[in-house]
């Protein structure tokens, strides 16, 4: 399955949520909750927004890498490559919960 197909499954899973809509984040296809992006597909990898501590845990476990824009490392964003696509749905759900809690 391609990263695009895998992300389509993520989108399909959350499409019925009343506060979730498709949108863009950093000019990439993504999902928003209450207008805030929480998951997106960037260069074939899933990028999600989680707490800085949770991002650090995933990076330390080597199941994710920091999301970098230009020279800036986004401390509440991580990339999960297609090799770990089996975790995409769970991480997107975690990101949605994080976005909802931040309201």
PDB file of N, CA and C in Angstrom:
ATOM      1  N   UNK A   1       0.852  -1.177   0.000  1.00  0.00           N
ATOM      2  CA  UNK A   1       0.000   0.000   0.000  1.00  0.00           C
ATOM      3  C   UNK A   1       0.901   1.244   0.000  1.00  0.00           C
ATOM      4  N   UNK A   2       0.558   2.219  -0.810  1.00  0.00           N
ATOM      5  CA  UNK A   2       1.346   3.452  -0.878  1.00  0.00           C
ATOM      6  C   UNK A   2       1.058   4.330   0.340  1.00  0.00           C
ATOM      7  N   UNK A   3       1.947   5.281   0.632  1.00  0.00           N
ATOM      8  CA  UNK A   3       1.666   6.212   1.726  1.00  0.00           C
ATOM      9  C   UNK A   3       0.358   6.986   1.506  1.00  0.00           C
ATOM     10  N   UNK A   4       0.077   7.326   0.267  1.00  0.00           N
ATOM     11  CA  UNK A   4      -1.157   8.052  -0.042  1.00  0.00           C
ATOM     12  C   UNK A   4      -2.386   7.194   0.267  1.00  0.00           C
ATOM     13  N   UNK A   5      -2.319   5.910  -0.082  1.00  0.00           N
ATOM     14  CA  UNK A   5      -3.417   4.995   0.233  1.00  0.00           C
ATOM     15  C   UNK A   5      -3.566   4.818   1.742  1.00  0.00           C
ATOM     16  N   UNK A   6      -2.444   4.711   2.427  1.00  0.00           N
ATOM     17  CA  UNK A   6      -2.471   4.558   3.888  1.00  0.00           C
ATOM     18  C   UNK A   6      -3.081   5.800   4.537  1.00  0.00           C
ATOM     19  N   UNK A   7      -2.703   6.975   4.038  1.00  0.00           N
ATOM     20  CA  UNK A   7      -3.263   8.208   4.604  1.00  0.00           C
ATOM     21  C   UNK A   7      -4.750   8.312   4.278  1.00  0.00           C
ATOM     22  N   UNK A   8      -5.155   7.828   3.117  1.00  0.00           N
ATOM     23  CA  UNK A   8      -6.582   7.827   2.774  1.00  0.00           C
ATOM     24  C   UNK A   8      -7.383   7.013   3.794  1.00  0.00           C
ATOM     25  N   UNK A   9      -6.800   5.938   4.295  1.00  0.00           N
ATOM     26  CA  UNK A   9      -7.460   5.154   5.339  1.00  0.00           C
ATOM     27  C   UNK A   9      -7.589   5.954   6.631  1.00  0.00           C
ATOM     28  N   UNK A  10      -6.572   6.734   6.934  1.00  0.00           N
ATOM     29  CA  UNK A  10      -6.624   7.593   8.121  1.00  0.00           C
ATOM     30  C   UNK A  10      -7.749   8.615   7.949  1.00  0.00           C
ATOM     31  N   UNK A  11      -7.802   9.247   6.788  1.00  0.00           N
ATOM     32  CA  UNK A  11      -8.847  10.239   6.515  1.00  0.00           C
ATOM     33  C   UNK A  11     -10.226   9.595   6.622  1.00  0.00           C
ATOM     34  N   UNK A  12     -10.380   8.430   6.024  1.00  0.00           N
ATOM     35  CA  UNK A  12     -11.671   7.734   6.064  1.00  0.00           C
ATOM     36  C   UNK A  12     -12.091   7.414   7.502  1.00  0.00           C
ATOM     37  N   UNK A  13     -11.138   6.994   8.314  1.00  0.00           N
ATOM     38  CA  UNK A  13     -11.431   6.634   9.707  1.00  0.00           C
ATOM     39  C   UNK A  13     -11.989   7.809  10.496  1.00  0.00           C
ATOM     40  N   UNK A  14     -11.488   9.017  10.255  1.00  0.00           N
ATOM     41  CA  UNK A  14     -11.888  10.180  11.044  1.00  0.00           C
ATOM     42  C   UNK A  14     -12.916  11.068  10.363  1.00  0.00           C
ATOM     43  N   UNK A  15     -13.321  10.731   9.149  1.00  0.00           N
ATOM     44  CA  UNK A  15     -14.252  11.557   8.378  1.00  0.00           C
ATOM     45  C   UNK A  15     -15.605  11.728   9.073  1.00  0.00           C
ATOM     46  N   UNK A  16     -16.036  10.745   9.832  1.00  0.00           N
ATOM     47  CA  UNK A  16     -17.347  10.808  10.483  1.00  0.00           C
ATOM     48  C   UNK A  16     -17.328  11.595  11.792  1.00  0.00           C
ATOM     49  N   UNK A  17     -16.163  11.947  12.277  1.00  0.00           N
ATOM     50  CA  UNK A  17     -16.081  12.714  13.523  1.00  0.00           C
ATOM     51  C   UNK A  17     -16.653  14.109  13.276  1.00  0.00           C
ATOM     52  N   UNK A  18     -17.560  14.574  14.143  1.00  0.00           N
ATOM     53  CA  UNK A  18     -18.242  15.844  13.883  1.00  0.00           C
ATOM     54  C   UNK A  18     -17.333  17.074  13.847  1.00  0.00           C
ATOM     55  N   UNK A  19     -16.228  17.035  14.556  1.00  0.00           N
ATOM     56  CA  UNK A  19     -15.346  18.202  14.597  1.00  0.00           C
ATOM     57  C   UNK A  19     -14.118  18.059  13.701  1.00  0.00           C
ATOM     58  N   UNK A  20     -14.090  17.020  12.853  1.00  0.00           N
ATOM     59  CA  UNK A  20     -12.942  16.776  11.986  1.00  0.00           C
ATOM     60  C   UNK A  20     -13.307  17.079  10.542  1.00  0.00           C
ATOM     61  N   UNK A  21     -12.379  17.742   9.858  1.00  0.00           N
ATOM     62  CA  UNK A  21     -12.555  18.028   8.437  1.00  0.00           C
ATOM     63  C   UNK A  21     -11.215  17.913   7.742  1.00  0.00           C
ATOM     64  N   UNK A  22     -11.290  17.667   6.448  1.00  0.00           N
ATOM     65  CA  UNK A  22     -10.064  17.654   5.659  1.00  0.00           C
ATOM     66  C   UNK A  22      -9.608  19.079   5.436  1.00  0.00           C
ATOM     67  N   UNK A  23      -8.308  19.244   5.377  1.00  0.00           N
ATOM     68  CA  UNK A  23      -7.732  20.559   5.142  1.00  0.00           C
ATOM     69  C   UNK A  23      -6.290  20.401   4.729  1.00  0.00           C
ATOM     70  N   UNK A  24      -5.536  21.458   4.879  1.00  0.00           N
ATOM     71  CA  UNK A  24      -4.116  21.399   4.556  1.00  0.00           C
ATOM     72  C   UNK A  24      -3.308  21.928   5.724  1.00  0.00           C
ATOM     73  N   UNK A  25      -2.109  21.390   5.844  1.00  0.00           N
ATOM     74  CA  UNK A  25      -1.152  21.865   6.828  1.00  0.00           C
ATOM     75  C   UNK A  25       0.185  22.015   6.141  1.00  0.00           C
ATOM     76  N   UNK A  26       0.735  23.210   6.182  1.00  0.00           N
ATOM     77  CA  UNK A  26       2.002  23.478   5.502  1.00  0.00           C
ATOM     78  C   UNK A  26       1.902  23.070   4.023  1.00  0.00           C
ATOM     79  N   UNK A  27       0.745  23.318   3.416  1.00  0.00           N
ATOM     80  CA  UNK A  27       0.459  23.045   2.005  1.00  0.00           C
ATOM     81  C   UNK A  27       0.383  21.555   1.671  1.00  0.00           C
ATOM     82  N   UNK A  28       0.093  20.725   2.659  1.00  0.00           N
ATOM     83  CA  UNK A  28      -0.015  19.279   2.468  1.00  0.00           C
ATOM     84  C   UNK A  28      -1.397  18.813   2.892  1.00  0.00           C
ATOM     85  N   UNK A  29      -1.886  17.701   2.327  1.00  0.00           N
ATOM     86  CA  UNK A  29      -3.203  17.200   2.723  1.00  0.00           C
ATOM     87  C   UNK A  29      -3.197  16.787   4.193  1.00  0.00           C
ATOM     88  N   UNK A  30      -4.266  17.151   4.886  1.00  0.00           N
ATOM     89  CA  UNK A  30      -4.303  16.836   6.304  1.00  0.00           C
ATOM     90  C   UNK A  30      -5.699  16.778   6.869  1.00  0.00           C
ATOM     91  N   UNK A  31      -5.739  16.620   8.186  1.00  0.00           N
ATOM     92  CA  UNK A  31      -6.989  16.587   8.935  1.00  0.00           C
ATOM     93  C   UNK A  31      -6.947  17.663  10.001  1.00  0.00           C
ATOM     94  N   UNK A  32      -8.096  18.320  10.178  1.00  0.00           N
ATOM     95  CA  UNK A  32      -8.222  19.378  11.176  1.00  0.00           C
ATOM     96  C   UNK A  32      -9.317  19.024  12.165  1.00  0.00           C
ATOM     97  N   UNK A  33      -9.116  19.442  13.397  1.00  0.00           N
ATOM     98  CA  UNK A  33     -10.148  19.355  14.428  1.00  0.00           C
ATOM     99  C   UNK A  33     -10.367  20.769  14.928  1.00  0.00           C
ATOM    100  N   UNK A  34     -11.600  21.223  14.813  1.00  0.00           N
ATOM    101  CA  UNK A  34     -11.924  22.590  15.215  1.00  0.00           C
ATOM    102  C   UNK A  34     -10.990  23.610  14.573  1.00  0.00           C
ATOM    103  N   UNK A  35     -10.687  23.383  13.297  1.00  0.00           N
ATOM    104  CA  UNK A  35      -9.870  24.318  12.540  1.00  0.00           C
ATOM    105  C   UNK A  35      -8.370  24.190  12.733  1.00  0.00           C
ATOM    106  N   UNK A  36      -7.928  23.274  13.589  1.00  0.00           N
ATOM    107  CA  UNK A  36      -6.493  23.106  13.855  1.00  0.00           C
ATOM    108  C   UNK A  36      -6.008  21.782  13.271  1.00  0.00           C
ATOM    109  N   UNK A  37      -4.943  21.850  12.506  1.00  0.00           N
ATOM    110  CA  UNK A  37      -4.402  20.649  11.888  1.00  0.00           C
ATOM    111  C   UNK A  37      -3.827  19.723  12.969  1.00  0.00           C
ATOM    112  N   UNK A  38      -4.103  18.418  12.849  1.00  0.00           N
ATOM    113  CA  UNK A  38      -3.535  17.468  13.808  1.00  0.00           C
ATOM    114  C   UNK A  38      -2.810  16.317  13.128  1.00  0.00           C
ATOM    115  N   UNK A  39      -3.046  16.098  11.849  1.00  0.00           N
ATOM    116  CA  UNK A  39      -2.351  15.043  11.105  1.00  0.00           C
ATOM    117  C   UNK A  39      -2.281  15.453   9.641  1.00  0.00           C
ATOM    118  N   UNK A  40      -1.155  15.104   8.990  1.00  0.00           N
ATOM    119  CA  UNK A  40      -1.006  15.436   7.581  1.00  0.00           C
ATOM    120  C   UNK A  40      -0.012  14.488   6.935  1.00  0.00           C
ATOM    121  N   UNK A  41      -0.081  14.407   5.627  1.00  0.00           N
ATOM    122  CA  UNK A  41       0.849  13.595   4.850  1.00  0.00           C
ATOM    123  C   UNK A  41       1.842  14.535   4.191  1.00  0.00           C
ATOM    124  N   UNK A  42       3.117  14.358   4.539  1.00  0.00           N
ATOM    125  CA  UNK A  42       4.169  15.227   4.018  1.00  0.00           C
ATOM    126  C   UNK A  42       5.267  14.341   3.423  1.00  0.00           C
ATOM    127  N   UNK A  43       5.499  14.473   2.130  1.00  0.00           N
ATOM    128  CA  UNK A  43       6.562  13.701   1.451  1.00  0.00           C
ATOM    129  C   UNK A  43       6.472  12.201   1.768  1.00  0.00           C
ATOM    130  N   UNK A  44       5.260  11.669   1.818  1.00  0.00           N
ATOM    131  CA  UNK A  44       5.066  10.240   2.008  1.00  0.00           C
ATOM    132  C   UNK A  44       5.152   9.740   3.434  1.00  0.00           C
ATOM    133  N   UNK A  45       5.194  10.649   4.405  1.00  0.00           N
ATOM    134  CA  UNK A  45       5.212  10.243   5.813  1.00  0.00           C
ATOM    135  C   UNK A  45       4.052  10.915   6.546  1.00  0.00           C
ATOM    136  N   UNK A  46       3.560  10.252   7.583  1.00  0.00           N
ATOM    137  CA  UNK A  46       2.523  10.843   8.416  1.00  0.00           C
ATOM    138  C   UNK A  46       3.176  11.795   9.396  1.00  0.00           C
ATOM    139  N   UNK A  47       2.620  12.990   9.516  1.00  0.00           N
ATOM    140  CA  UNK A  47       3.092  13.976  10.490  1.00  0.00           C
ATOM    141  C   UNK A  47       1.927  14.262  11.417  1.00  0.00           C
ATOM    142  N   UNK A  48       2.165  14.130  12.731  1.00  0.00           N
ATOM    143  CA  UNK A  48       1.107  14.362  13.715  1.00  0.00           C
ATOM    144  C   UNK A  48       1.584  15.326  14.790  1.00  0.00           C
ATOM    145  N   UNK A  49       0.602  15.997  15.403  1.00  0.00           N
ATOM    146  CA  UNK A  49       0.900  16.907  16.504  1.00  0.00           C
ATOM    147  C   UNK A  49       0.525  16.223  17.815  1.00  0.00           C
ATOM    148  N   UNK A  50       1.523  16.082  18.686  1.00  0.00           N
ATOM    149  CA  UNK A  50       1.348  15.506  20.015  1.00  0.00           C
ATOM    150  C   UNK A  50       2.064  16.401  21.016  1.00  0.00           C
ATOM    151  N   UNK A  51       1.940  16.096  22.278  1.00  0.00           N
ATOM    152  CA  UNK A  51       2.679  16.876  23.268  1.00  0.00           C
ATOM    153  C   UNK A  51       4.180  16.733  23.001  1.00  0.00           C
ATOM    154  N   UNK A  52       4.940  17.725  23.412  1.00  0.00           N
ATOM    155  CA  UNK A  52       6.389  17.680  23.215  1.00  0.00           C
ATOM    156  C   UNK A  52       6.983  16.445  23.896  1.00  0.00           C
ATOM    157  N   UNK A  53       6.478  16.108  25.078  1.00  0.00           N
ATOM    158  CA  UNK A  53       6.992  14.933  25.797  1.00  0.00           C
ATOM    159  C   UNK A  53       6.697  13.648  25.034  1.00  0.00           C
ATOM    160  N   UNK A  54       5.500  13.534  24.488  1.00  0.00           N
ATOM    161  CA  UNK A  54       5.132  12.329  23.730  1.00  0.00           C
ATOM    162  C   UNK A  54       5.961  12.233  22.446  1.00  0.00           C
ATOM    163  N   UNK A  55       6.188  13.360  21.795  1.00  0.00           N
ATOM    164  CA  UNK A  55       7.038  13.369  20.597  1.00  0.00           C
ATOM    165  C   UNK A  55       8.440  12.885  20.947  1.00  0.00           C
ATOM    166  N   UNK A  56       8.957  13.369  22.046  1.00  0.00           N
ATOM    167  CA  UNK A  56      10.293  12.966  22.478  1.00  0.00           C
ATOM    168  C   UNK A  56      10.344  11.461  22.751  1.00  0.00           C
ATOM    169  N   UNK A  57       9.302  10.918  23.371  1.00  0.00           N
ATOM    170  CA  UNK A  57       9.234   9.474  23.622  1.00  0.00           C
ATOM    171  C   UNK A  57       9.326   8.680  22.321  1.00  0.00           C
ATOM    172  N   UNK A  58       8.536   9.087  21.337  1.00  0.00           N
ATOM    173  CA  UNK A  58       8.519   8.372  20.057  1.00  0.00           C
ATOM    174  C   UNK A  58       9.868   8.479  19.340  1.00  0.00           C
ATOM    175  N   UNK A  59      10.487   9.642  19.392  1.00  0.00           N
ATOM    176  CA  UNK A  59      11.793   9.827  18.769  1.00  0.00           C
ATOM    177  C   UNK A  59      12.833   8.978  19.495  1.00  0.00           C
ATOM    178  N   UNK A  60      12.813   8.995  20.828  1.00  0.00           N
ATOM    179  CA  UNK A  60      13.753   8.189  21.613  1.00  0.00           C
ATOM    180  C   UNK A  60      13.590   6.694  21.338  1.00  0.00           C
ATOM    181  N   UNK A  61      12.349   6.264  21.082  1.00  0.00           N
ATOM    182  CA  UNK A  61      12.075   4.860  20.778  1.00  0.00           C
ATOM    183  C   UNK A  61      12.405   4.517  19.321  1.00  0.00           C
ATOM    184  N   UNK A  62      12.778   5.526  18.563  1.00  0.00           N
ATOM    185  CA  UNK A  62      13.137   5.378  17.148  1.00  0.00           C
ATOM    186  C   UNK A  62      11.977   4.900  16.276  1.00  0.00           C
ATOM    187  N   UNK A  63      10.760   5.280  16.686  1.00  0.00           N
ATOM    188  CA  UNK A  63       9.584   4.968  15.873  1.00  0.00           C
ATOM    189  C   UNK A  63       9.064   6.215  15.167  1.00  0.00           C
ATOM    190  N   UNK A  64       9.768   7.331  15.363  1.00  0.00           N
ATOM    191  CA  UNK A  64       9.407   8.593  14.715  1.00  0.00           C
ATOM    192  C   UNK A  64      10.652   9.465  14.659  1.00  0.00           C
ATOM    193  N   UNK A  65      10.576  10.490  13.820  1.00  0.00           N
ATOM    194  CA  UNK A  65      11.648  11.472  13.752  1.00  0.00           C
ATOM    195  C   UNK A  65      11.031  12.852  13.937  1.00  0.00           C
ATOM    196  N   UNK A  66      11.813  13.809  14.404  1.00  0.00           N
ATOM    197  CA  UNK A  66      11.280  15.166  14.559  1.00  0.00           C
ATOM    198  C   UNK A  66      10.867  15.735  13.203  1.00  0.00           C
ATOM    199  N   UNK A  67       9.838  16.556  13.206  1.00  0.00           N
ATOM    200  CA  UNK A  67       9.397  17.233  11.992  1.00  0.00           C
ATOM    201  C   UNK A  67      10.142  18.554  11.913  1.00  0.00           C
ATOM    202  N   UNK A  68      10.866  18.734  10.817  1.00  0.00           N
ATOM    203  CA  UNK A  68      11.694  19.922  10.634  1.00  0.00           C
ATOM    204  C   UNK A  68      11.189  20.701   9.432  1.00  0.00           C
ATOM    205  N   UNK A  69      11.003  21.993   9.628  1.00  0.00           N
ATOM    206  CA  UNK A  69      10.630  22.902   8.542  1.00  0.00           C
ATOM    207  C   UNK A  69      11.781  23.885   8.392  1.00  0.00           C
ATOM    208  N   UNK A  70      12.466  23.805   7.258  1.00  0.00           N
ATOM    209  CA  UNK A  70      13.643  24.650   7.070  1.00  0.00           C
ATOM    210  C   UNK A  70      14.698  24.268   8.094  1.00  0.00           C
ATOM    211  N   UNK A  71      15.034  25.200   8.948  1.00  0.00           N
ATOM    212  CA  UNK A  71      16.000  24.942  10.019  1.00  0.00           C
ATOM    213  C   UNK A  71      15.322  24.764  11.375  1.00  0.00           C
ATOM    214  N   UNK A  72      14.010  24.848  11.387  1.00  0.00           N
ATOM    215  CA  UNK A  72      13.275  24.815  12.653  1.00  0.00           C
ATOM    216  C   UNK A  72      12.708  23.425  12.932  1.00  0.00           C
ATOM    217  N   UNK A  73      13.059  22.872  14.083  1.00  0.00           N
ATOM    218  CA  UNK A  73      12.487  21.609  14.525  1.00  0.00           C
ATOM    219  C   UNK A  73      11.223  21.930  15.309  1.00  0.00           C
ATOM    220  N   UNK A  74      10.117  21.358  14.861  1.00  0.00           N
ATOM    221  CA  UNK A  74       8.830  21.596  15.502  1.00  0.00           C
ATOM    222  C   UNK A  74       8.705  20.636  16.688  1.00  0.00           C
ATOM    223  N   UNK A  75       8.752  21.143  17.908  1.00  0.00           N
ATOM    224  CA  UNK A  75       8.839  20.272  19.074  1.00  0.00           C
ATOM    225  C   UNK A  75       7.571  19.483  19.375  1.00  0.00           C
ATOM    226  N   UNK A  76       6.431  19.900  18.857  1.00  0.00           N
ATOM    227  CA  UNK A  76       5.182  19.163  19.080  1.00  0.00           C
ATOM    228  C   UNK A  76       4.713  18.426  17.825  1.00  0.00           C
ATOM    229  N   UNK A  77       5.616  18.182  16.903  1.00  0.00           N
ATOM    230  CA  UNK A  77       5.280  17.477  15.663  1.00  0.00           C
ATOM    231  C   UNK A  77       6.316  16.399  15.405  1.00  0.00           C
ATOM    232  N   UNK A  78       5.853  15.222  14.966  1.00  0.00           N
ATOM    233  CA  UNK A  78       6.760  14.143  14.592  1.00  0.00           C
ATOM    234  C   UNK A  78       6.340  13.553  13.255  1.00  0.00           C
ATOM    235  N   UNK A  79       7.302  12.911  12.605  1.00  0.00           N
ATOM    236  CA  UNK A  79       7.075  12.194  11.353  1.00  0.00           C
ATOM    237  C   UNK A  79       7.131  10.702  11.639  1.00  0.00           C
ATOM    238  N   UNK A  80       6.198   9.970  11.068  1.00  0.00           N
ATOM    239  CA  UNK A  80       6.192   8.516  11.176  1.00  0.00           C
ATOM    240  C   UNK A  80       6.248   7.980   9.753  1.00  0.00           C
ATOM    241  N   UNK A  81       7.346   7.313   9.416  1.00  0.00           N
ATOM    242  CA  UNK A  81       7.508   6.884   8.033  1.00  0.00           C
ATOM    243  C   UNK A  81       6.620   5.692   7.707  1.00  0.00           C
ATOM    244  N   UNK A  82       6.604   5.358   6.429  1.00  0.00           N
ATOM    245  CA  UNK A  82       5.704   4.316   5.943  1.00  0.00           C
ATOM    246  C   UNK A  82       6.063   2.943   6.501  1.00  0.00           C
ATOM    247  N   UNK A  83       7.297   2.757   6.952  1.00  0.00           N
ATOM    248  CA  UNK A  83       7.692   1.483   7.564  1.00  0.00           C
ATOM    249  C   UNK A  83       6.910   1.226   8.855  1.00  0.00           C
ATOM    250  N   UNK A  84       6.410   2.293   9.474  1.00  0.00           N
ATOM    251  CA  UNK A  84       5.620   2.185  10.706  1.00  0.00           C
ATOM    252  C   UNK A  84       4.151   2.539  10.443  1.00  0.00           C
ATOM    253  N   UNK A  85       3.700   2.300   9.218  1.00  0.00           N
ATOM    254  CA  UNK A  85       2.331   2.663   8.833  1.00  0.00           C
ATOM    255  C   UNK A  85       1.280   1.943   9.665  1.00  0.00           C
ATOM    256  N   UNK A  86       1.632   0.812  10.255  1.00  0.00           N
ATOM    257  CA  UNK A  86       0.680   0.096  11.100  1.00  0.00           C
ATOM    258  C   UNK A  86       0.292   0.917  12.331  1.00  0.00           C
ATOM    259  N   UNK A  87       1.068   1.921  12.671  1.00  0.00           N
ATOM    260  CA  UNK A  87       0.773   2.780  13.822  1.00  0.00           C
ATOM    261  C   UNK A  87       0.065   4.075  13.435  1.00  0.00           C
ATOM    262  N   UNK A  88      -0.120   4.323  12.145  1.00  0.00           N
ATOM    263  CA  UNK A  88      -0.678   5.599  11.709  1.00  0.00           C
ATOM    264  C   UNK A  88      -2.060   5.886  12.299  1.00  0.00           C
ATOM    265  N   UNK A  89      -2.957   4.927  12.276  1.00  0.00           N
ATOM    266  CA  UNK A  89      -4.306   5.173  12.803  1.00  0.00           C
ATOM    267  C   UNK A  89      -4.277   5.504  14.285  1.00  0.00           C
ATOM    268  N   UNK A  90      -3.505   4.742  15.049  1.00  0.00           N
ATOM    269  CA  UNK A  90      -3.424   4.994  16.491  1.00  0.00           C
ATOM    270  C   UNK A  90      -2.808   6.354  16.789  1.00  0.00           C
ATOM    271  N   UNK A  91      -1.772   6.710  16.058  1.00  0.00           N
ATOM    272  CA  UNK A  91      -1.132   8.003  16.296  1.00  0.00           C
ATOM    273  C   UNK A  91      -2.021   9.161  15.862  1.00  0.00           C
ATOM    274  N   UNK A  92      -2.761   8.984  14.791  1.00  0.00           N
ATOM    275  CA  UNK A  92      -3.709  10.022  14.378  1.00  0.00           C
ATOM    276  C   UNK A  92      -4.801  10.190  15.435  1.00  0.00           C
ATOM    277  N   UNK A  93      -5.264   9.088  16.011  1.00  0.00           N
ATOM    278  CA  UNK A  93      -6.267   9.163  17.082  1.00  0.00           C
ATOM    279  C   UNK A  93      -5.694   9.882  18.301  1.00  0.00           C
ATOM    280  N   UNK A  94      -4.456   9.581  18.626  1.00  0.00           N
ATOM    281  CA  UNK A  94      -3.790  10.256  19.747  1.00  0.00           C
ATOM    282  C   UNK A  94      -3.646  11.755  19.456  1.00  0.00           C
ATOM    283  N   UNK A  95      -3.305  12.083  18.220  1.00  0.00           N
ATOM    284  CA  UNK A  95      -3.168  13.490  17.830  1.00  0.00           C
ATOM    285  C   UNK A  95      -4.513  14.209  17.891  1.00  0.00           C
ATOM    286  N   UNK A  96      -5.575  13.530  17.484  1.00  0.00           N
ATOM    287  CA  UNK A  96      -6.912  14.125  17.569  1.00  0.00           C
ATOM    288  C   UNK A  96      -7.288  14.392  19.024  1.00  0.00           C
ATOM    289  N   UNK A  97      -7.015  13.456  19.902  1.00  0.00           N
ATOM    290  CA  UNK A  97      -7.290  13.650  21.336  1.00  0.00           C
ATOM    291  C   UNK A  97      -6.483  14.824  21.872  1.00  0.00           C
ATOM    292  N   UNK A  98      -5.237  14.949  21.446  1.00  0.00           N
ATOM    293  CA  UNK A  98      -4.394  16.063  21.881  1.00  0.00           C
ATOM    294  C   UNK A  98      -4.957  17.391  21.381  1.00  0.00           C
ATOM    295  N   UNK A  99      -5.405  17.415  20.135  1.00  0.00           N
ATOM    296  CA  UNK A  99      -5.990  18.636  19.566  1.00  0.00           C
ATOM    297  C   UNK A  99      -7.263  19.019  20.294  1.00  0.00           C
ATOM    298  N   UNK A 100      -8.091  18.038  20.597  1.00  0.00           N
ATOM    299  CA  UNK A 100      -9.336  18.325  21.319  1.00  0.00           C
ATOM    300  C   UNK A 100      -9.068  18.840  22.729  1.00  0.00           C
ATOM    301  N   UNK A 101      -8.075  18.308  23.379  1.00  0.00           N
ATOM    302  CA  UNK A 101      -7.742  18.738  24.749  1.00  0.00           C
ATOM    303  C   UNK A 101      -7.190  20.159  24.777  1.00  0.00           C
ATOM    304  N   UNK A 102      -6.644  20.602  23.654  1.00  0.00           N
ATOM    305  CA  UNK A 102      -6.028  21.930  23.583  1.00  0.00           C
ATOM    306  C   UNK A 102      -7.040  23.049  23.335  1.00  0.00           C
ATOM    307  N   UNK A 103      -8.301  22.701  23.162  1.00  0.00           N
ATOM    308  CA  UNK A 103      -9.325  23.718  22.876  1.00  0.00           C
ATOM    309  C   UNK A 103      -9.375  24.776  23.920  1.00  0.00           C
TER     310      UNK A 103
END
